[in-house]
Amino acid sequence: MDVIYDQYYYKYYDKELSEIFEYTKQQANKWAMIASKYGFWDNKYKLFNRNCIFSAKEYIKLLGTYSDHIAIEENIRKEFFC
């Protein structure tokens, strides 16, 4: 899959392929606490980890809901999603 992303997604956005890291409790807490800057208090967060298994067709449908994937030019997106 990295080859396909490199060819279509990263090339389109002129980005380098980067390693994906698991979202941590520290990152979740950091994002949750941003609201305290704006006067919200008693902020809490919950982090749920799960793995989802998709068929190719289901995964392409999911990608079609991501704004950065939708924004790719239609002719490139069609090849990417093939």
PDB file of N, CA and C in Angstrom:
ATOM      1  N   MET A   1       0.819  -1.194   0.000  1.00  0.00           N
ATOM      2  CA  MET A   1       0.000   0.000   0.000  1.00  0.00           C
ATOM      3  C   MET A   1       0.864   1.260   0.000  1.00  0.00           C
ATOM      4  N   ASP A   2       2.043   1.213   0.631  1.00  0.00           N
ATOM      5  CA  ASP A   2       2.914   2.385   0.656  1.00  0.00           C
ATOM      6  C   ASP A   2       3.292   2.843  -0.745  1.00  0.00           C
ATOM      7  N   VAL A   3       3.482   1.897  -1.655  1.00  0.00           N
ATOM      8  CA  VAL A   3       3.845   2.240  -3.033  1.00  0.00           C
ATOM      9  C   VAL A   3       2.719   3.034  -3.689  1.00  0.00           C
ATOM     10  N   ILE A   4       1.491   2.618  -3.467  1.00  0.00           N
ATOM     11  CA  ILE A   4       0.332   3.300  -4.049  1.00  0.00           C
ATOM     12  C   ILE A   4       0.177   4.691  -3.446  1.00  0.00           C
ATOM     13  N   TYR A   5       0.289   4.792  -2.115  1.00  0.00           N
ATOM     14  CA  TYR A   5       0.215   6.110  -1.462  1.00  0.00           C
ATOM     15  C   TYR A   5       1.334   7.021  -1.945  1.00  0.00           C
ATOM     16  N   ASP A   6       2.525   6.479  -2.091  1.00  0.00           N
ATOM     17  CA  ASP A   6       3.648   7.278  -2.555  1.00  0.00           C
ATOM     18  C   ASP A   6       3.385   7.794  -3.966  1.00  0.00           C
ATOM     19  N   GLN A   7       2.843   6.935  -4.815  1.00  0.00           N
ATOM     20  CA  GLN A   7       2.593   7.295  -6.212  1.00  0.00           C
ATOM     21  C   GLN A   7       1.486   8.336  -6.358  1.00  0.00           C
ATOM     22  N   TYR A   8       0.445   8.249  -5.566  1.00  0.00           N
ATOM     23  CA  TYR A   8      -0.706   9.137  -5.747  1.00  0.00           C
ATOM     24  C   TYR A   8      -0.834  10.201  -4.666  1.00  0.00           C
ATOM     25  N   TYR A   9      -0.943   9.805  -3.424  1.00  0.00           N
ATOM     26  CA  TYR A   9      -1.207  10.749  -2.337  1.00  0.00           C
ATOM     27  C   TYR A   9      -0.006  11.648  -2.057  1.00  0.00           C
ATOM     28  N   TYR A  10       1.123  11.045  -1.715  1.00  0.00           N
ATOM     29  CA  TYR A  10       2.294  11.836  -1.341  1.00  0.00           C
ATOM     30  C   TYR A  10       2.831  12.639  -2.517  1.00  0.00           C
ATOM     31  N   LYS A  11       2.789  12.093  -3.693  1.00  0.00           N
ATOM     32  CA  LYS A  11       3.235  12.831  -4.882  1.00  0.00           C
ATOM     33  C   LYS A  11       2.314  14.025  -5.136  1.00  0.00           C
ATOM     34  N   TYR A  12       1.003  13.822  -4.993  1.00  0.00           N
ATOM     35  CA  TYR A  12       0.043  14.900  -5.223  1.00  0.00           C
ATOM     36  C   TYR A  12       0.268  16.053  -4.249  1.00  0.00           C
ATOM     37  N   TYR A  13       0.484  15.715  -2.975  1.00  0.00           N
ATOM     38  CA  TYR A  13       0.664  16.739  -1.944  1.00  0.00           C
ATOM     39  C   TYR A  13       2.125  17.131  -1.745  1.00  0.00           C
ATOM     40  N   ASP A  14       3.021  16.598  -2.577  1.00  0.00           N
ATOM     41  CA  ASP A  14       4.450  16.885  -2.507  1.00  0.00           C
ATOM     42  C   ASP A  14       4.981  16.660  -1.086  1.00  0.00           C
ATOM     43  N   LYS A  15       4.665  15.485  -0.546  1.00  0.00           N
ATOM     44  CA  LYS A  15       5.095  15.095   0.794  1.00  0.00           C
ATOM     45  C   LYS A  15       5.956  13.843   0.704  1.00  0.00           C
ATOM     46  N   GLU A  16       6.702  13.615   1.750  1.00  0.00           N
ATOM     47  CA  GLU A  16       7.514  12.407   1.862  1.00  0.00           C
ATOM     48  C   GLU A  16       6.738  11.354   2.640  1.00  0.00           C
ATOM     49  N   LEU A  17       6.915  10.122   2.263  1.00  0.00           N
ATOM     50  CA  LEU A  17       6.331   9.008   2.986  1.00  0.00           C
ATOM     51  C   LEU A  17       6.916   9.002   4.389  1.00  0.00           C
ATOM     52  N   SER A  18       6.062   8.958   5.408  1.00  0.00           N
ATOM     53  CA  SER A  18       6.553   8.980   6.787  1.00  0.00           C
ATOM     54  C   SER A  18       5.964   7.816   7.575  1.00  0.00           C
ATOM     55  N   GLU A  19       6.661   7.470   8.622  1.00  0.00           N
ATOM     56  CA  GLU A  19       6.222   6.364   9.469  1.00  0.00           C
ATOM     57  C   GLU A  19       4.984   6.784  10.262  1.00  0.00           C
ATOM     58  N   ILE A  20       4.039   5.881  10.404  1.00  0.00           N
ATOM     59  CA  ILE A  20       2.816   6.146  11.161  1.00  0.00           C
ATOM     60  C   ILE A  20       3.014   5.629  12.579  1.00  0.00           C
ATOM     61  N   PHE A  21       2.734   6.490  13.543  1.00  0.00           N
ATOM     62  CA  PHE A  21       2.880   6.120  14.936  1.00  0.00           C
ATOM     63  C   PHE A  21       1.517   5.981  15.592  1.00  0.00           C
ATOM     64  N   GLU A  22       1.443   5.106  16.574  1.00  0.00           N
ATOM     65  CA  GLU A  22       0.204   4.932  17.325  1.00  0.00           C
ATOM     66  C   GLU A  22      -0.048   6.177  18.164  1.00  0.00           C
ATOM     67  N   TYR A  23      -1.287   6.625  18.210  1.00  0.00           N
ATOM     68  CA  TYR A  23      -1.702   7.779  18.994  1.00  0.00           C
ATOM     69  C   TYR A  23      -1.541   7.440  20.474  1.00  0.00           C
ATOM     70  N   THR A  24      -0.860   8.294  21.238  1.00  0.00           N
ATOM     71  CA  THR A  24      -0.540   7.985  22.630  1.00  0.00           C
ATOM     72  C   THR A  24      -1.485   8.683  23.611  1.00  0.00           C
ATOM     73  N   LYS A  25      -1.458   8.226  24.853  1.00  0.00           N
ATOM     74  CA  LYS A  25      -2.239   8.877  25.917  1.00  0.00           C
ATOM     75  C   LYS A  25      -1.782  10.321  26.113  1.00  0.00           C
ATOM     76  N   GLN A  26      -0.487  10.544  25.993  1.00  0.00           N
ATOM     77  CA  GLN A  26       0.041  11.901  26.157  1.00  0.00           C
ATOM     78  C   GLN A  26      -0.497  12.836  25.071  1.00  0.00           C
ATOM     79  N   GLN A  27      -0.563  12.341  23.832  1.00  0.00           N
ATOM     80  CA  GLN A  27      -1.104  13.170  22.751  1.00  0.00           C
ATOM     81  C   GLN A  27      -2.595  13.438  22.972  1.00  0.00           C
ATOM     82  N   ALA A  28      -3.331  12.416  23.393  1.00  0.00           N
ATOM     83  CA  ALA A  28      -4.762  12.585  23.654  1.00  0.00           C
ATOM     84  C   ALA A  28      -4.982  13.604  24.754  1.00  0.00           C
ATOM     85  N   ASN A  29      -4.196  13.520  25.813  1.00  0.00           N
ATOM     86  CA  ASN A  29      -4.322  14.464  26.920  1.00  0.00           C
ATOM     87  C   ASN A  29      -3.996  15.880  26.461  1.00  0.00           C
ATOM     88  N   LYS A  30      -2.942  16.029  25.671  1.00  0.00           N
ATOM     89  CA  LYS A  30      -2.553  17.349  25.167  1.00  0.00           C
ATOM     90  C   LYS A  30      -3.701  17.991  24.388  1.00  0.00           C
ATOM     91  N   TRP A  31      -4.302  17.238  23.483  1.00  0.00           N
ATOM     92  CA  TRP A  31      -5.409  17.773  22.687  1.00  0.00           C
ATOM     93  C   TRP A  31      -6.625  18.071  23.552  1.00  0.00           C
ATOM     94  N   ALA A  32      -6.915  17.222  24.522  1.00  0.00           N
ATOM     95  CA  ALA A  32      -8.074  17.432  25.396  1.00  0.00           C
ATOM     96  C   ALA A  32      -7.898  18.692  26.240  1.00  0.00           C
ATOM     97  N   MET A  33      -6.678  18.989  26.646  1.00  0.00           N
ATOM     98  CA  MET A  33      -6.424  20.124  27.522  1.00  0.00           C
ATOM     99  C   MET A  33      -6.391  21.463  26.795  1.00  0.00           C
ATOM    100  N   ILE A  34      -6.382  21.451  25.485  1.00  0.00           N
ATOM    101  CA  ILE A  34      -6.430  22.707  24.727  1.00  0.00           C
ATOM    102  C   ILE A  34      -7.674  23.504  25.105  1.00  0.00           C
ATOM    103  N   ALA A  35      -8.765  22.817  25.355  1.00  0.00           N
ATOM    104  CA  ALA A  35     -10.019  23.499  25.714  1.00  0.00           C
ATOM    105  C   ALA A  35      -9.878  24.327  26.985  1.00  0.00           C
ATOM    106  N   SER A  36      -8.981  23.945  27.883  1.00  0.00           N
ATOM    107  CA  SER A  36      -8.820  24.693  29.145  1.00  0.00           C
ATOM    108  C   SER A  36      -8.313  26.112  28.884  1.00  0.00           C
ATOM    109  N   LYS A  37      -7.615  26.320  27.777  1.00  0.00           N
ATOM    110  CA  LYS A  37      -7.162  27.672  27.425  1.00  0.00           C
ATOM    111  C   LYS A  37      -8.347  28.605  27.164  1.00  0.00           C
ATOM    112  N   TYR A  38      -9.471  28.027  26.842  1.00  0.00           N
ATOM    113  CA  TYR A  38     -10.653  28.815  26.470  1.00  0.00           C
ATOM    114  C   TYR A  38     -11.725  28.793  27.557  1.00  0.00           C
ATOM    115  N   GLY A  39     -11.317  28.454  28.769  1.00  0.00           N
ATOM    116  CA  GLY A  39     -12.234  28.540  29.900  1.00  0.00           C
ATOM    117  C   GLY A  39     -13.004  27.269  30.216  1.00  0.00           C
ATOM    118  N   PHE A  40     -12.805  26.212  29.474  1.00  0.00           N
ATOM    119  CA  PHE A  40     -13.461  24.951  29.800  1.00  0.00           C
ATOM    120  C   PHE A  40     -12.691  24.297  30.935  1.00  0.00           C
ATOM    121  N   TRP A  41     -13.406  23.656  31.827  1.00  0.00           N
ATOM    122  CA  TRP A  41     -12.747  23.026  32.961  1.00  0.00           C
ATOM    123  C   TRP A  41     -13.259  21.602  33.131  1.00  0.00           C
ATOM    124  N   ASP A  42     -12.629  20.860  33.978  1.00  0.00           N
ATOM    125  CA  ASP A  42     -12.978  19.454  34.221  1.00  0.00           C
ATOM    126  C   ASP A  42     -12.915  18.649  32.916  1.00  0.00           C
ATOM    127  N   ASN A  43     -11.908  18.946  32.127  1.00  0.00           N
ATOM    128  CA  ASN A  43     -11.730  18.258  30.847  1.00  0.00           C
ATOM    129  C   ASN A  43     -11.241  16.833  31.079  1.00  0.00           C
ATOM    130  N   LYS A  44     -11.816  15.931  30.352  1.00  0.00           N
ATOM    131  CA  LYS A  44     -11.414  14.526  30.438  1.00  0.00           C
ATOM    132  C   LYS A  44     -11.260  13.985  29.018  1.00  0.00           C
ATOM    133  N   TYR A  45     -10.531  12.938  28.906  1.00  0.00           N
ATOM    134  CA  TYR A  45     -10.401  12.282  27.616  1.00  0.00           C
ATOM    135  C   TYR A  45     -10.409  10.779  27.830  1.00  0.00           C
ATOM    136  N   LYS A  46     -10.776  10.067  26.822  1.00  0.00           N
ATOM    137  CA  LYS A  46     -10.727   8.611  26.825  1.00  0.00           C
ATOM    138  C   LYS A  46     -10.083   8.197  25.506  1.00  0.00           C
ATOM    139  N   LEU A  47      -9.216   7.250  25.592  1.00  0.00           N
ATOM    140  CA  LEU A  47      -8.515   6.771  24.409  1.00  0.00           C
ATOM    141  C   LEU A  47      -8.882   5.307  24.218  1.00  0.00           C
ATOM    142  N   PHE A  48      -9.505   5.008  23.091  1.00  0.00           N
ATOM    143  CA  PHE A  48      -9.916   3.645  22.779  1.00  0.00           C
ATOM    144  C   PHE A  48      -9.079   3.141  21.611  1.00  0.00           C
ATOM    145  N   ASN A  49      -8.433   2.036  21.799  1.00  0.00           N
ATOM    146  CA  ASN A  49      -7.641   1.428  20.729  1.00  0.00           C
ATOM    147  C   ASN A  49      -8.403   0.245  20.154  1.00  0.00           C
ATOM    148  N   ARG A  50      -8.426   0.177  18.850  1.00  0.00           N
ATOM    149  CA  ARG A  50      -9.035  -0.979  18.191  1.00  0.00           C
ATOM    150  C   ARG A  50      -8.475  -1.091  16.783  1.00  0.00           C
ATOM    151  N   ASN A  51      -8.559  -2.260  16.272  1.00  0.00           N
ATOM    152  CA  ASN A  51      -8.146  -2.522  14.895  1.00  0.00           C
ATOM    153  C   ASN A  51      -9.380  -2.859  14.084  1.00  0.00           C
ATOM    154  N   CYS A  52      -9.435  -2.312  12.910  1.00  0.00           N
ATOM    155  CA  CYS A  52     -10.543  -2.601  12.007  1.00  0.00           C
ATOM    156  C   CYS A  52      -9.977  -3.297  10.770  1.00  0.00           C
ATOM    157  N   ILE A  53     -10.700  -4.266  10.311  1.00  0.00           N
ATOM    158  CA  ILE A  53     -10.303  -4.979   9.095  1.00  0.00           C
ATOM    159  C   ILE A  53     -11.334  -4.648   8.017  1.00  0.00           C
ATOM    160  N   PHE A  54     -10.834  -4.137   6.898  1.00  0.00           N
ATOM    161  CA  PHE A  54     -11.694  -3.742   5.791  1.00  0.00           C
ATOM    162  C   PHE A  54     -11.363  -4.567   4.564  1.00  0.00           C
ATOM    163  N   SER A  55     -12.363  -4.817   3.759  1.00  0.00           N
ATOM    164  CA  SER A  55     -12.096  -5.342   2.423  1.00  0.00           C
ATOM    165  C   SER A  55     -11.567  -4.166   1.609  1.00  0.00           C
ATOM    166  N   ALA A  56     -11.014  -4.438   0.440  1.00  0.00           N
ATOM    167  CA  ALA A  56     -10.503  -3.359  -0.412  1.00  0.00           C
ATOM    168  C   ALA A  56     -11.615  -2.372  -0.753  1.00  0.00           C
ATOM    169  N   LYS A  57     -12.774  -2.887  -1.062  1.00  0.00           N
ATOM    170  CA  LYS A  57     -13.910  -2.036  -1.430  1.00  0.00           C
ATOM    171  C   LYS A  57     -14.343  -1.160  -0.249  1.00  0.00           C
ATOM    172  N   GLU A  58     -14.394  -1.738   0.941  1.00  0.00           N
ATOM    173  CA  GLU A  58     -14.777  -0.984   2.142  1.00  0.00           C
ATOM    174  C   GLU A  58     -13.741   0.088   2.468  1.00  0.00           C
ATOM    175  N   TYR A  59     -12.462  -0.242   2.301  1.00  0.00           N
ATOM    176  CA  TYR A  59     -11.401   0.712   2.605  1.00  0.00           C
ATOM    177  C   TYR A  59     -11.445   1.904   1.651  1.00  0.00           C
ATOM    178  N   ILE A  60     -11.700   1.651   0.401  1.00  0.00           N
ATOM    179  CA  ILE A  60     -11.807   2.741  -0.579  1.00  0.00           C
ATOM    180  C   ILE A  60     -13.000   3.629  -0.246  1.00  0.00           C
ATOM    181  N   LYS A  61     -14.102   3.027   0.194  1.00  0.00           N
ATOM    182  CA  LYS A  61     -15.254   3.828   0.615  1.00  0.00           C
ATOM    183  C   LYS A  61     -14.891   4.716   1.799  1.00  0.00           C
ATOM    184  N   LEU A  62     -14.129   4.176   2.746  1.00  0.00           N
ATOM    185  CA  LEU A  62     -13.681   4.955   3.899  1.00  0.00           C
ATOM    186  C   LEU A  62     -12.793   6.110   3.452  1.00  0.00           C
ATOM    187  N   LEU A  63     -11.819   5.840   2.591  1.00  0.00           N
ATOM    188  CA  LEU A  63     -10.933   6.895   2.109  1.00  0.00           C
ATOM    189  C   LEU A  63     -11.713   8.017   1.434  1.00  0.00           C
ATOM    190  N   GLY A  64     -12.814   7.664   0.796  1.00  0.00           N
ATOM    191  CA  GLY A  64     -13.657   8.648   0.129  1.00  0.00           C
ATOM    192  C   GLY A  64     -14.359   9.597   1.079  1.00  0.00           C
ATOM    193  N   THR A  65     -14.215   9.380   2.391  1.00  0.00           N
ATOM    194  CA  THR A  65     -14.808  10.283   3.387  1.00  0.00           C
ATOM    195  C   THR A  65     -13.774  11.247   3.956  1.00  0.00           C
ATOM    196  N   TYR A  66     -12.504  11.060   3.646  1.00  0.00           N
ATOM    197  CA  TYR A  66     -11.436  11.912   4.180  1.00  0.00           C
ATOM    198  C   TYR A  66     -11.265  13.132   3.286  1.00  0.00           C
ATOM    199  N   SER A  67     -11.336  14.320   3.891  1.00  0.00           N
ATOM    200  CA  SER A  67     -11.296  15.551   3.099  1.00  0.00           C
ATOM    201  C   SER A  67     -10.027  15.684   2.264  1.00  0.00           C
ATOM    202  N   ASP A  68      -8.879  15.253   2.797  1.00  0.00           N
ATOM    203  CA  ASP A  68      -7.647  15.376   2.020  1.00  0.00           C
ATOM    204  C   ASP A  68      -7.631  14.428   0.827  1.00  0.00           C
ATOM    205  N   HIS A  69      -8.333  13.318   0.936  1.00  0.00           N
ATOM    206  CA  HIS A  69      -8.436  12.385  -0.195  1.00  0.00           C
ATOM    207  C   HIS A  69      -9.464  12.890  -1.210  1.00  0.00           C
ATOM    208  N   ILE A  70     -10.542  13.469  -0.720  1.00  0.00           N
ATOM    209  CA  ILE A  70     -11.574  14.036  -1.603  1.00  0.00           C
ATOM    210  C   ILE A  70     -10.992  15.192  -2.420  1.00  0.00           C
ATOM    211  N   ALA A  71     -10.072  15.954  -1.821  1.00  0.00           N
ATOM    212  CA  ALA A  71      -9.507  17.137  -2.465  1.00  0.00           C
ATOM    213  C   ALA A  71      -8.537  16.816  -3.600  1.00  0.00           C
ATOM    214  N   ILE A  72      -8.107  15.570  -3.698  1.00  0.00           N
ATOM    215  CA  ILE A  72      -7.209  15.186  -4.802  1.00  0.00           C
ATOM    216  C   ILE A  72      -7.990  15.293  -6.110  1.00  0.00           C
ATOM    217  N   GLU A  73      -7.349  15.815  -7.135  1.00  0.00           N
ATOM    218  CA  GLU A  73      -8.020  15.970  -8.431  1.00  0.00           C
ATOM    219  C   GLU A  73      -8.705  14.666  -8.823  1.00  0.00           C
ATOM    220  N   GLU A  74      -9.893  14.787  -9.386  1.00  0.00           N
ATOM    221  CA  GLU A  74     -10.734  13.621  -9.653  1.00  0.00           C
ATOM    222  C   GLU A  74     -10.048  12.550 -10.497  1.00  0.00           C
ATOM    223  N   ASN A  75      -9.362  12.938 -11.568  1.00  0.00           N
ATOM    224  CA  ASN A  75      -8.732  11.922 -12.424  1.00  0.00           C
ATOM    225  C   ASN A  75      -7.638  11.163 -11.665  1.00  0.00           C
ATOM    226  N   ILE A  76      -6.897  11.838 -10.802  1.00  0.00           N
ATOM    227  CA  ILE A  76      -5.861  11.176  -9.996  1.00  0.00           C
ATOM    228  C   ILE A  76      -6.512  10.315  -8.925  1.00  0.00           C
ATOM    229  N   ARG A  77      -7.549  10.846  -8.286  1.00  0.00           N
ATOM    230  CA  ARG A  77      -8.261  10.108  -7.232  1.00  0.00           C
ATOM    231  C   ARG A  77      -8.863   8.815  -7.776  1.00  0.00           C
ATOM    232  N   LYS A  78      -9.399   8.848  -8.983  1.00  0.00           N
ATOM    233  CA  LYS A  78      -9.981   7.634  -9.578  1.00  0.00           C
ATOM    234  C   LYS A  78      -8.921   6.562  -9.765  1.00  0.00           C
ATOM    235  N   GLU A  79      -7.742   6.956 -10.232  1.00  0.00           N
ATOM    236  CA  GLU A  79      -6.651   5.978 -10.382  1.00  0.00           C
ATOM    237  C   GLU A  79      -6.203   5.477  -9.012  1.00  0.00           C
ATOM    238  N   PHE A  80      -6.082   6.374  -8.067  1.00  0.00           N
ATOM    239  CA  PHE A  80      -5.652   6.039  -6.710  1.00  0.00           C
ATOM    240  C   PHE A  80      -6.609   5.035  -6.065  1.00  0.00           C
ATOM    241  N   PHE A  81      -7.902   5.240  -6.263  1.00  0.00           N
ATOM    242  CA  PHE A  81      -8.916   4.411  -5.632  1.00  0.00           C
ATOM    243  C   PHE A  81      -9.207   3.122  -6.397  1.00  0.00           C
ATOM    244  N   CYS A  82      -8.585   2.932  -7.557  1.00  0.00           N
ATOM    245  CA  CYS A  82      -8.817   1.708  -8.342  1.00  0.00           C
ATOM    246  C   CYS A  82      -8.298   0.487  -7.646  1.00  0.00           C
TER     247      CYS A  82
END
